[in-house]
């Protein structure tokens, strides 16, 4: 049962990483599994089998979320952006009570407040820097583009791991969001249609990007694991600032969206659903 719950949490984490403005790290925090995942990644060389056992349900869930449900989320974001965004904001806010508990300790309250405000402001600043990464949907494969994709993977993975900073929003700023998302979709369609040419091209785009993600996650996980070990309450105070600010870039995307009273009512309902799910899963 615990494995199934962790797979569900992995699905939500995976989905969060493909939605501009939402951070997979934030969802991991609100699900109460962030420090568990970071510790397992950090210990993977020392305790390989134990770490793999811990990480596998989350990885399976994330792959399912990105691969199987990316089409669904893309459709709902296009057709019902406010309601879909409200659902994910509910996921984020639902985990805040658990996060607040983890900030309590002997460390100075003033330092916690300062860290909270600094990292809250960081997310707000980044949220208004997002570019339109959807304009470019493909890239020519050569030695330069492979290096670019590797570096983008490292940068994006750092944002995915750090709560409150959206990897997809950062990729939009760098102009690679449309390239990665379209090639994920094309790769899945090509496998279904047995289009080997398209499979090969999409694979060559996603492979260096995937390697970059693995490298970035490993490096950032070590840093965050060290912070959890030495200054856990202060680290969570900073994370709380990142998490509470993360709905801002999501709602920033809603400025140009037209909606009526019924849309707002449904959005409130989806927010409540997301809040309850996150709150309950965080207790598990």
Protein backbone atom coordinates (compact mmCIF):
# COMPACT_ATOMS: atom_id res chain seq x y z
CA UNK A 1 0.00 0.00 0.00
CA UNK A 2 2.86 2.38 0.86
CA UNK A 3 4.44 1.65 -2.54
CA UNK A 4 1.20 2.52 -4.34
CA UNK A 5 0.93 5.78 -2.39
CA UNK A 6 4.52 6.67 -3.33
CA UNK A 7 3.81 5.91 -7.00
CA UNK A 8 0.85 8.33 -6.83
CA UNK A 9 3.12 10.94 -5.26
CA UNK A 10 5.62 10.29 -8.07
CA UNK A 11 2.88 10.85 -10.68
CA UNK A 12 2.12 14.27 -9.16
CA UNK A 13 5.82 15.15 -9.01
CA UNK A 14 6.26 14.15 -12.67
CA UNK A 15 3.22 16.15 -13.78
CA UNK A 16 4.46 19.21 -11.87
CA UNK A 17 7.73 19.20 -13.81
CA UNK A 18 5.98 19.60 -17.19
CA UNK A 19 3.69 22.47 -16.12
CA UNK A 20 5.17 25.97 -16.47
CA UNK A 21 5.30 27.66 -13.07
CA UNK A 22 4.98 24.44 -11.04
CA UNK A 23 8.00 22.80 -9.40
CA UNK A 24 8.37 19.06 -8.91
CA UNK A 25 10.45 19.84 -5.83
CA UNK A 26 7.56 21.85 -4.40
CA UNK A 27 5.14 18.96 -4.84
CA UNK A 28 7.68 16.57 -3.27
CA UNK A 29 7.86 18.90 -0.24
CA UNK A 30 4.09 19.17 0.07
CA UNK A 31 3.79 15.38 -0.22
CA UNK A 32 6.22 15.04 2.71
CA UNK A 33 8.80 13.03 0.73
CA UNK A 34 11.33 15.67 -0.34
CA UNK A 35 13.98 14.93 2.29
CA UNK A 36 13.50 11.16 1.77
CA UNK A 37 14.13 11.47 -1.98
CA UNK A 38 17.12 13.81 -1.53
CA UNK A 39 18.71 11.47 1.04
CA UNK A 40 18.19 8.43 -1.20
CA UNK A 41 19.75 10.21 -4.21
CA UNK A 42 22.67 11.38 -2.09
CA UNK A 43 23.29 7.86 -0.69
CA UNK A 44 22.88 5.99 -3.98
CA UNK A 45 26.62 5.16 -4.21
CA UNK A 46 26.94 4.05 -0.59
CA UNK A 47 23.65 2.13 -0.34
CA UNK A 48 22.70 1.44 -3.95
CA UNK A 49 20.03 -1.23 -3.43
CA UNK A 50 18.39 0.59 -0.52
CA UNK A 51 18.33 3.90 -2.43
CA UNK A 52 16.92 2.26 -5.57
CA UNK A 53 14.20 0.58 -3.49
CA UNK A 54 13.22 3.95 -2.03
CA UNK A 55 13.39 5.86 -5.31
CA UNK A 56 11.81 3.30 -7.66
CA UNK A 57 8.12 4.01 -6.79
CA UNK A 58 8.69 7.76 -7.26
CA UNK A 59 10.55 7.20 -10.54
CA UNK A 60 7.82 4.88 -11.86
CA UNK A 61 5.16 7.41 -10.87
CA UNK A 62 7.06 10.32 -12.42
CA UNK A 63 7.53 8.44 -15.71
CA UNK A 64 3.81 7.59 -15.75
CA UNK A 65 2.94 11.20 -14.97
CA UNK A 66 5.16 12.65 -17.68
CA UNK A 67 4.58 9.99 -20.33
CA UNK A 68 0.99 8.86 -19.92
CA UNK A 69 -0.66 11.99 -18.53
CA UNK A 70 1.27 14.80 -20.25
CA UNK A 71 -1.32 14.80 -23.06
CA UNK A 72 -4.18 15.08 -20.56
CA UNK A 73 -2.58 17.94 -18.66
CA UNK A 74 -1.70 19.77 -21.89
CA UNK A 75 -5.35 19.48 -22.98
CA UNK A 76 -6.78 20.67 -19.64
CA UNK A 77 -4.28 23.55 -19.47
CA UNK A 78 -5.33 24.66 -22.95
CA UNK A 79 -9.08 24.27 -22.35
CA UNK A 80 -9.38 24.94 -18.61
CA UNK A 81 -6.22 26.83 -17.54
CA UNK A 82 -7.66 28.43 -14.38
CA UNK A 83 -9.21 25.23 -13.04
CA UNK A 84 -6.13 23.12 -13.80
CA UNK A 85 -3.77 25.69 -12.29
CA UNK A 86 -5.98 25.95 -9.20
CA UNK A 87 -5.72 22.19 -8.73
CA UNK A 88 -1.92 22.39 -8.60
CA UNK A 89 -1.99 25.44 -6.34
CA UNK A 90 -4.15 23.31 -4.03
CA UNK A 91 -1.47 20.60 -4.13
CA UNK A 92 1.12 23.21 -3.11
CA UNK A 93 -0.83 24.94 -0.31
CA UNK A 94 -2.09 21.63 1.08
CA UNK A 95 1.43 20.69 2.13
CA UNK A 96 2.27 24.00 3.82
CA UNK A 97 1.07 22.97 7.34
CA UNK A 98 3.49 20.02 7.28
CA UNK A 99 6.29 22.28 6.06
CA UNK A 100 5.67 24.87 8.80
CA UNK A 101 6.10 22.15 11.44
CA UNK A 102 9.51 21.32 10.02
CA UNK A 103 10.71 24.93 10.38
CA UNK A 104 10.18 24.86 14.15
CA UNK A 105 13.35 24.52 16.21
CA UNK A 106 15.99 26.34 18.21
CA UNK A 107 17.42 28.41 15.36
CA UNK A 108 16.86 32.19 15.38
CA UNK A 109 13.39 33.26 14.25
CA UNK A 110 14.83 36.44 12.73
CA UNK A 111 17.19 34.46 10.50
CA UNK A 112 14.31 32.17 9.47
CA UNK A 113 12.18 35.19 8.53
CA UNK A 114 15.04 36.75 6.54
CA UNK A 115 15.66 33.49 4.66
CA UNK A 116 11.93 33.11 4.03
CA UNK A 117 11.67 36.63 2.55
CA UNK A 118 14.82 36.28 0.41
CA UNK A 119 13.72 33.03 -1.22
CA UNK A 120 10.11 34.21 -1.54
CA UNK A 121 11.38 37.27 -3.45
CA UNK A 122 13.64 35.06 -5.60
CA UNK A 123 10.68 33.09 -6.94
CA UNK A 124 8.68 36.27 -7.58
CA UNK A 125 11.56 37.77 -9.59
CA UNK A 126 12.05 34.58 -11.65
CA UNK A 127 8.31 34.32 -12.30
CA UNK A 128 8.32 37.64 -14.17
CA UNK A 129 11.35 36.69 -16.27
CA UNK A 130 9.68 33.79 -18.12
CA UNK A 131 10.04 33.88 -21.86
CA UNK A 132 7.87 32.23 -24.47
CA UNK A 133 9.62 28.89 -24.95
CA UNK A 134 6.73 27.47 -26.97
CA UNK A 135 7.79 29.32 -30.15
CA UNK A 136 10.55 26.81 -30.98
CA UNK A 137 9.55 23.15 -31.05
CA UNK A 138 12.58 21.36 -32.49
CA UNK A 139 16.35 21.53 -32.83
CA UNK A 140 18.94 20.26 -35.33
CA UNK A 141 21.17 17.59 -33.81
CA UNK A 142 24.89 18.38 -33.95
CA UNK A 143 27.78 18.54 -31.48
CA UNK A 144 26.87 22.08 -30.33
CA UNK A 145 23.17 21.30 -29.79
CA UNK A 146 24.08 18.14 -27.82
CA UNK A 147 26.22 20.24 -25.46
CA UNK A 148 23.39 22.80 -25.21
CA UNK A 149 20.85 20.09 -24.34
CA UNK A 150 23.21 18.60 -21.73
CA UNK A 151 23.69 22.00 -20.06
CA UNK A 152 19.95 22.79 -20.23
CA UNK A 153 19.27 19.44 -18.55
CA UNK A 154 21.67 20.30 -15.71
CA UNK A 155 20.10 23.75 -15.19
CA UNK A 156 16.53 22.46 -15.48
CA UNK A 157 17.17 19.58 -13.06
CA UNK A 158 18.53 22.00 -10.47
CA UNK A 159 15.28 23.95 -10.75
CA UNK A 160 13.25 20.73 -10.61
CA UNK A 161 14.99 19.65 -7.41
CA UNK A 162 14.88 23.04 -5.67
CA UNK A 163 11.30 23.65 -4.39
CA UNK A 164 9.45 26.68 -5.71
CA UNK A 165 11.58 27.15 -8.83
CA UNK A 166 9.91 25.68 -11.90
CA UNK A 167 12.19 23.77 -14.25
CA UNK A 168 9.69 24.17 -17.09
CA UNK A 169 9.40 27.94 -16.48
CA UNK A 170 13.19 28.22 -16.48
CA UNK A 171 13.36 26.25 -19.75
CA UNK A 172 10.81 28.69 -21.20
CA UNK A 173 13.11 31.55 -20.24
CA UNK A 174 16.03 29.78 -21.96
CA UNK A 175 13.90 28.94 -25.02
CA UNK A 176 14.01 25.12 -24.73
CA UNK A 177 10.61 24.29 -23.21
CA UNK A 178 8.82 23.77 -26.54
CA UNK A 179 11.72 21.67 -27.88
CA UNK A 180 11.70 19.23 -24.96
CA UNK A 181 7.90 18.93 -24.60
CA UNK A 182 7.32 18.45 -28.34
CA UNK A 183 10.04 15.78 -28.56
CA UNK A 184 8.58 13.88 -25.58
CA UNK A 185 5.19 13.86 -27.34
CA UNK A 186 6.75 13.01 -30.71
CA UNK A 187 8.79 10.17 -29.19
CA UNK A 188 5.66 8.55 -27.69
CA UNK A 189 3.66 8.98 -30.92
CA UNK A 190 6.55 7.66 -33.01
CA UNK A 191 6.81 4.49 -30.91
CA UNK A 192 3.07 3.89 -31.28
CA UNK A 193 3.25 4.44 -35.06
CA UNK A 194 6.62 2.60 -35.38
CA UNK A 195 8.14 5.68 -37.06
CA UNK A 196 11.82 4.79 -36.57
CA UNK A 197 13.11 8.04 -38.09
CA UNK A 198 11.15 10.19 -35.65
CA UNK A 199 11.99 7.86 -32.76
CA UNK A 200 15.69 8.25 -33.55
CA UNK A 201 15.54 12.05 -33.79
CA UNK A 202 13.53 12.52 -30.59
CA UNK A 203 15.77 10.05 -28.75
CA UNK A 204 18.90 12.00 -29.77
CA UNK A 205 17.27 15.19 -28.43
CA UNK A 206 16.11 13.66 -25.15
CA UNK A 207 19.23 11.57 -24.38
CA UNK A 208 21.70 14.42 -23.67
CA UNK A 209 18.95 16.34 -21.90
CA UNK A 210 18.30 13.27 -19.72
CA UNK A 211 22.01 12.90 -18.90
CA UNK A 212 22.07 16.56 -17.91
CA UNK A 213 19.13 16.02 -15.56
CA UNK A 214 20.89 13.09 -13.86
CA UNK A 215 24.09 15.09 -13.40
CA UNK A 216 22.25 18.14 -12.06
CA UNK A 217 20.10 16.15 -9.65
CA UNK A 218 23.19 14.40 -8.24
CA UNK A 219 25.04 17.67 -7.65
CA UNK A 220 22.12 19.58 -6.10
CA UNK A 221 21.06 16.60 -3.98
CA UNK A 222 24.47 16.56 -2.28
CA UNK A 223 24.22 20.25 -1.43
CA UNK A 224 20.67 20.04 -0.08
CA UNK A 225 21.41 16.85 1.89
CA UNK A 226 24.31 18.68 3.58
CA UNK A 227 22.03 21.61 4.45
CA UNK A 228 19.38 19.26 5.89
CA UNK A 229 22.05 17.66 8.05
CA UNK A 230 23.66 20.87 9.37
CA UNK A 231 20.83 23.46 9.47
CA UNK A 232 17.52 21.64 8.88
CA UNK A 233 15.12 24.26 10.31
CA UNK A 234 16.80 27.14 8.45
CA UNK A 235 16.77 25.09 5.24
CA UNK A 236 13.05 24.46 5.62
CA UNK A 237 12.46 28.16 6.34
CA UNK A 238 14.07 28.96 2.98
CA UNK A 239 12.06 26.18 1.30
CA UNK A 240 8.86 27.57 2.87
CA UNK A 241 9.57 30.91 1.16
CA UNK A 242 10.06 29.12 -2.17
CA UNK A 243 6.89 27.07 -1.76
CA UNK A 244 4.56 29.87 -0.65
CA UNK A 245 5.74 32.06 -3.54
CA UNK A 246 5.33 29.31 -6.14
CA UNK A 247 1.61 29.99 -6.83
CA UNK A 248 2.61 33.48 -8.08
CA UNK A 249 4.26 32.31 -11.34
CA UNK A 250 1.32 29.94 -11.90
CA UNK A 251 -1.26 32.71 -11.54
CA UNK A 252 0.95 35.08 -13.53
CA UNK A 253 0.06 32.94 -16.54
CA UNK A 254 -3.65 33.59 -15.86
CA UNK A 255 -3.49 37.37 -16.39
CA UNK A 256 -4.50 37.13 -20.06
CA UNK A 257 -7.10 34.37 -19.52
CA UNK A 258 -10.80 35.22 -19.72
CA UNK A 259 -13.04 33.46 -17.20
CA UNK A 260 -16.56 33.77 -15.80
CA UNK A 261 -18.23 33.13 -12.43
CA UNK A 262 -18.70 29.41 -13.12
CA UNK A 263 -15.00 29.04 -13.98
CA UNK A 264 -14.10 30.66 -10.65
CA UNK A 265 -16.45 28.34 -8.75
CA UNK A 266 -14.96 25.26 -10.44
CA UNK A 267 -11.45 26.61 -9.77
CA UNK A 268 -12.28 26.89 -6.06
CA UNK A 269 -13.49 23.28 -6.11
CA UNK A 270 -10.35 22.02 -7.89
CA UNK A 271 -8.20 23.99 -5.43
CA UNK A 272 -10.01 22.30 -2.53
CA UNK A 273 -9.51 18.87 -4.14
CA UNK A 274 -5.80 19.52 -4.60
CA UNK A 275 -5.46 20.83 -1.04
CA UNK A 276 -7.15 17.79 0.50
CA UNK A 277 -5.14 15.31 -1.62
CA UNK A 278 -1.82 16.99 -0.70
CA UNK A 279 -2.76 17.28 2.95
CA UNK A 280 -3.76 13.59 3.19
CA UNK A 281 -0.79 12.30 1.18
CA UNK A 282 1.54 14.42 3.31
CA UNK A 283 0.28 12.59 6.39
CA UNK A 284 1.05 9.18 4.89
